Structures are given as structure tokens and as C-alpha cells.
Amino acid sequence: MKITADRNQTVYDIAARWYGTAEAVGQLLVDNPELKNDPIALAACGINVLDNDAFYVDVALCPGTEIEIDTDSKLVRQMVVKQLQNDITTYDNGTND
């Protein structure tokens, strides 16, 4: 299944919403090697986007990024996922409190 990242969503948010656990971050990174951070979020964190092509799991993804979700993964916590009806967004303007 493919989903689309919303503004200010991190890979942790996606893992929590669609797998029910942050343990799925590794699975998301393997299944989606092209993930990129939002350049605006990187700049807000003081990260020079021109000199750095690293991926930060705690910084927002580029909004609109399509992300593959493995709904058959053993990491999916169905009971948790059923309880989460809304998207999760923990990233806020360059700070992750």
C-alpha cells in the first residue's frame, strides 16, 4: 500500500500511524530508500541542505512523498493501528519536542 507524507510528518510518525510501533522505522527505510527530508525543516534545524545529503529520521519528510507501507509485515500492530484514526505529526517548525 502507498501513502503520502503530510506536511511536518517524520518517519517515526509514519511508523506509529501505519505500523503501530516505532520499531517499523527500519522497515520503512529499507522499503523506501529514496526518502528525503523537507529542505525547509532541515534549514530550520540549522542543517545546510547544500552540503548534506544525509537523511534524518527525526526531521520532517518532504510533503507529498509517496511511501510504501508493508501491510503484511510482522511489525504491524493491528490493535494499535485500528485505534489511530488520524495522521500523526510530531514535528513542529524545526523543533521536535
C-alpha atoms as a PDB file:
ATOM      1  CA  MET A   1       0.000   0.000   0.000  1.00  0.00           C
ATOM      2  CA  LYS A   2       1.230   3.532  -0.729  1.00  0.00           C
ATOM      3  CA  ILE A   3       0.525   6.543   1.426  1.00  0.00           C
ATOM      4  CA  THR A   4       1.521  10.176   1.044  1.00  0.00           C
ATOM      5  CA  ALA A   5       3.500  12.062   3.690  1.00  0.00           C
ATOM      6  CA  ASP A   6       1.776  15.111   5.087  1.00  0.00           C
ATOM      7  CA  ARG A   7       3.485  18.368   5.994  1.00  0.00           C
ATOM      8  CA  ASN A   8       5.651  18.013   9.128  1.00  0.00           C
ATOM      9  CA  GLN A   9       5.472  14.201   9.282  1.00  0.00           C
ATOM     10  CA  THR A  10       8.590  12.272  10.239  1.00  0.00           C
ATOM     11  CA  VAL A  11       9.386   8.656   9.511  1.00  0.00           C
ATOM     12  CA  TYR A  12       8.562   7.994  13.197  1.00  0.00           C
ATOM     13  CA  ASP A  13       5.073   9.430  12.657  1.00  0.00           C
ATOM     14  CA  ILE A  14       4.528   7.176   9.641  1.00  0.00           C
ATOM     15  CA  ALA A  15       5.746   4.126  11.581  1.00  0.00           C
ATOM     16  CA  ALA A  16       3.445   4.896  14.502  1.00  0.00           C
ATOM     17  CA  ARG A  17       0.374   5.560  12.339  1.00  0.00           C
ATOM     18  CA  TRP A  18       0.659   2.694   9.853  1.00  0.00           C
ATOM     19  CA  TYR A  19       2.540   0.033  11.844  1.00  0.00           C
ATOM     20  CA  GLY A  20       1.539   0.954  15.385  1.00  0.00           C
ATOM     21  CA  THR A  21       5.162   0.978  16.538  1.00  0.00           C
ATOM     22  CA  ALA A  22       8.354   2.990  16.113  1.00  0.00           C
ATOM     23  CA  GLU A  23      10.126  -0.346  15.609  1.00  0.00           C
ATOM     24  CA  ALA A  24       8.953  -0.163  11.987  1.00  0.00           C
ATOM     25  CA  VAL A  25      11.263   2.768  11.155  1.00  0.00           C
ATOM     26  CA  GLY A  26      13.913   0.342   9.894  1.00  0.00           C
ATOM     27  CA  GLN A  27      11.360  -1.421   7.688  1.00  0.00           C
ATOM     28  CA  LEU A  28      10.250   1.918   6.245  1.00  0.00           C
ATOM     29  CA  LEU A  29      13.829   2.904   5.456  1.00  0.00           C
ATOM     30  CA  VAL A  30      14.524  -0.422   3.728  1.00  0.00           C
ATOM     31  CA  ASP A  31      11.271  -0.300   1.737  1.00  0.00           C
ATOM     32  CA  ASN A  32      11.694   3.391   0.849  1.00  0.00           C
ATOM     33  CA  PRO A  33      15.404   4.107   0.261  1.00  0.00           C
ATOM     34  CA  GLU A  34      14.573   7.305  -1.649  1.00  0.00           C
ATOM     35  CA  LEU A  35      13.117   9.126   1.392  1.00  0.00           C
ATOM     36  CA  LYS A  36      14.241  12.734   1.707  1.00  0.00           C
ATOM     37  CA  ASN A  37      13.821  15.340   4.407  1.00  0.00           C
ATOM     38  CA  ASP A  38      11.945  18.567   3.804  1.00  0.00           C
ATOM     39  CA  PRO A  39      14.614  21.187   2.944  1.00  0.00           C
ATOM     40  CA  ILE A  40      12.700  23.830   4.898  1.00  0.00           C
ATOM     41  CA  ALA A  41      12.689  21.625   8.010  1.00  0.00           C
ATOM     42  CA  LEU A  42      16.406  20.915   7.588  1.00  0.00           C
ATOM     43  CA  ALA A  43      17.172  24.617   7.293  1.00  0.00           C
ATOM     44  CA  ALA A  44      15.060  25.318  10.400  1.00  0.00           C
ATOM     45  CA  CYS A  45      17.299  22.830  12.240  1.00  0.00           C
ATOM     46  CA  GLY A  46      20.405  24.637  11.039  1.00  0.00           C
ATOM     47  CA  ILE A  47      21.374  21.874   8.615  1.00  0.00           C
ATOM     48  CA  ASN A  48      22.884  23.129   5.366  1.00  0.00           C
ATOM     49  CA  VAL A  49      20.929  21.278   2.695  1.00  0.00           C
ATOM     50  CA  LEU A  50      23.500  22.099   0.010  1.00  0.00           C
ATOM     51  CA  ASP A  51      26.383  20.378   1.811  1.00  0.00           C
ATOM     52  CA  ASN A  52      24.483  17.498   3.374  1.00  0.00           C
ATOM     53  CA  ASP A  53      22.513  14.697   1.734  1.00  0.00           C
ATOM     54  CA  ALA A  54      22.044  12.619   4.903  1.00  0.00           C
ATOM     55  CA  PHE A  55      18.573  11.512   5.988  1.00  0.00           C
ATOM     56  CA  TYR A  56      17.392  12.435   9.489  1.00  0.00           C
ATOM     57  CA  VAL A  57      14.630  10.240  10.945  1.00  0.00           C
ATOM     58  CA  ASP A  58      13.606  12.950  13.417  1.00  0.00           C
ATOM     59  CA  VAL A  59      13.192  15.717  10.815  1.00  0.00           C
ATOM     60  CA  ALA A  60      10.085  16.114   8.651  1.00  0.00           C
ATOM     61  CA  LEU A  61       9.820  14.309   5.337  1.00  0.00           C
ATOM     62  CA  CYS A  62       9.213  16.161   2.082  1.00  0.00           C
ATOM     63  CA  PRO A  63       5.460  16.710   1.963  1.00  0.00           C
ATOM     64  CA  GLY A  64       3.789  14.707  -0.778  1.00  0.00           C
ATOM     65  CA  THR A  65       6.366  11.917  -0.725  1.00  0.00           C
ATOM     66  CA  GLU A  66       4.842   8.547  -1.589  1.00  0.00           C
ATOM     67  CA  ILE A  67       5.766   5.912   0.970  1.00  0.00           C
ATOM     68  CA  GLU A  68       5.385   2.156   0.619  1.00  0.00           C
ATOM     69  CA  ILE A  69       3.729   0.508   3.628  1.00  0.00           C
ATOM     70  CA  ASP A  70       4.123  -3.261   4.048  1.00  0.00           C
ATOM     71  CA  THR A  71       0.707  -4.160   5.457  1.00  0.00           C
ATOM     72  CA  ASP A  72       1.795  -7.806   5.718  1.00  0.00           C
ATOM     73  CA  SER A  73       4.820  -7.009   7.895  1.00  0.00           C
ATOM     74  CA  LYS A  74       5.108  -8.840  11.206  1.00  0.00           C
ATOM     75  CA  LEU A  75       5.817  -5.430  12.725  1.00  0.00           C
ATOM     76  CA  VAL A  76       2.229  -4.218  12.167  1.00  0.00           C
ATOM     77  CA  ARG A  77       0.387  -3.937  15.485  1.00  0.00           C
ATOM     78  CA  GLN A  78      -3.190  -4.237  14.211  1.00  0.00           C
ATOM     79  CA  MET A  79      -4.849  -3.359  17.523  1.00  0.00           C
ATOM     80  CA  VAL A  80      -2.858  -0.131  17.776  1.00  0.00           C
ATOM     81  CA  VAL A  81      -3.359   0.824  14.124  1.00  0.00           C
ATOM     82  CA  LYS A  82      -7.140   0.351  14.471  1.00  0.00           C
ATOM     83  CA  GLN A  83      -7.187   2.864  17.331  1.00  0.00           C
ATOM     84  CA  LEU A  84      -5.314   5.517  15.346  1.00  0.00           C
ATOM     85  CA  GLN A  85      -7.832   7.223  13.101  1.00  0.00           C
ATOM     86  CA  ASN A  86      -5.913  10.427  12.322  1.00  0.00           C
ATOM     87  CA  ASP A  87      -2.483  11.113  10.906  1.00  0.00           C
ATOM     88  CA  ILE A  88       0.277  11.628  13.433  1.00  0.00           C
ATOM     89  CA  THR A  89       2.501  14.689  13.183  1.00  0.00           C
ATOM     90  CA  THR A  90       5.090  15.290  15.893  1.00  0.00           C
ATOM     91  CA  TYR A  91       7.426  17.648  14.012  1.00  0.00           C
ATOM     92  CA  ASP A  92       6.847  21.342  14.654  1.00  0.00           C
ATOM     93  CA  ASN A  93       8.714  24.185  12.967  1.00  0.00           C
ATOM     94  CA  GLY A  94      12.233  22.882  13.333  1.00  0.00           C
ATOM     95  CA  THR A  95      11.848  21.539  16.842  1.00  0.00           C
ATOM     96  CA  ASN A  96      10.942  18.052  17.853  1.00  0.00           C
ATOM     97  CA  ASP A  97       9.812  18.245  21.465  1.00  0.00           C
END
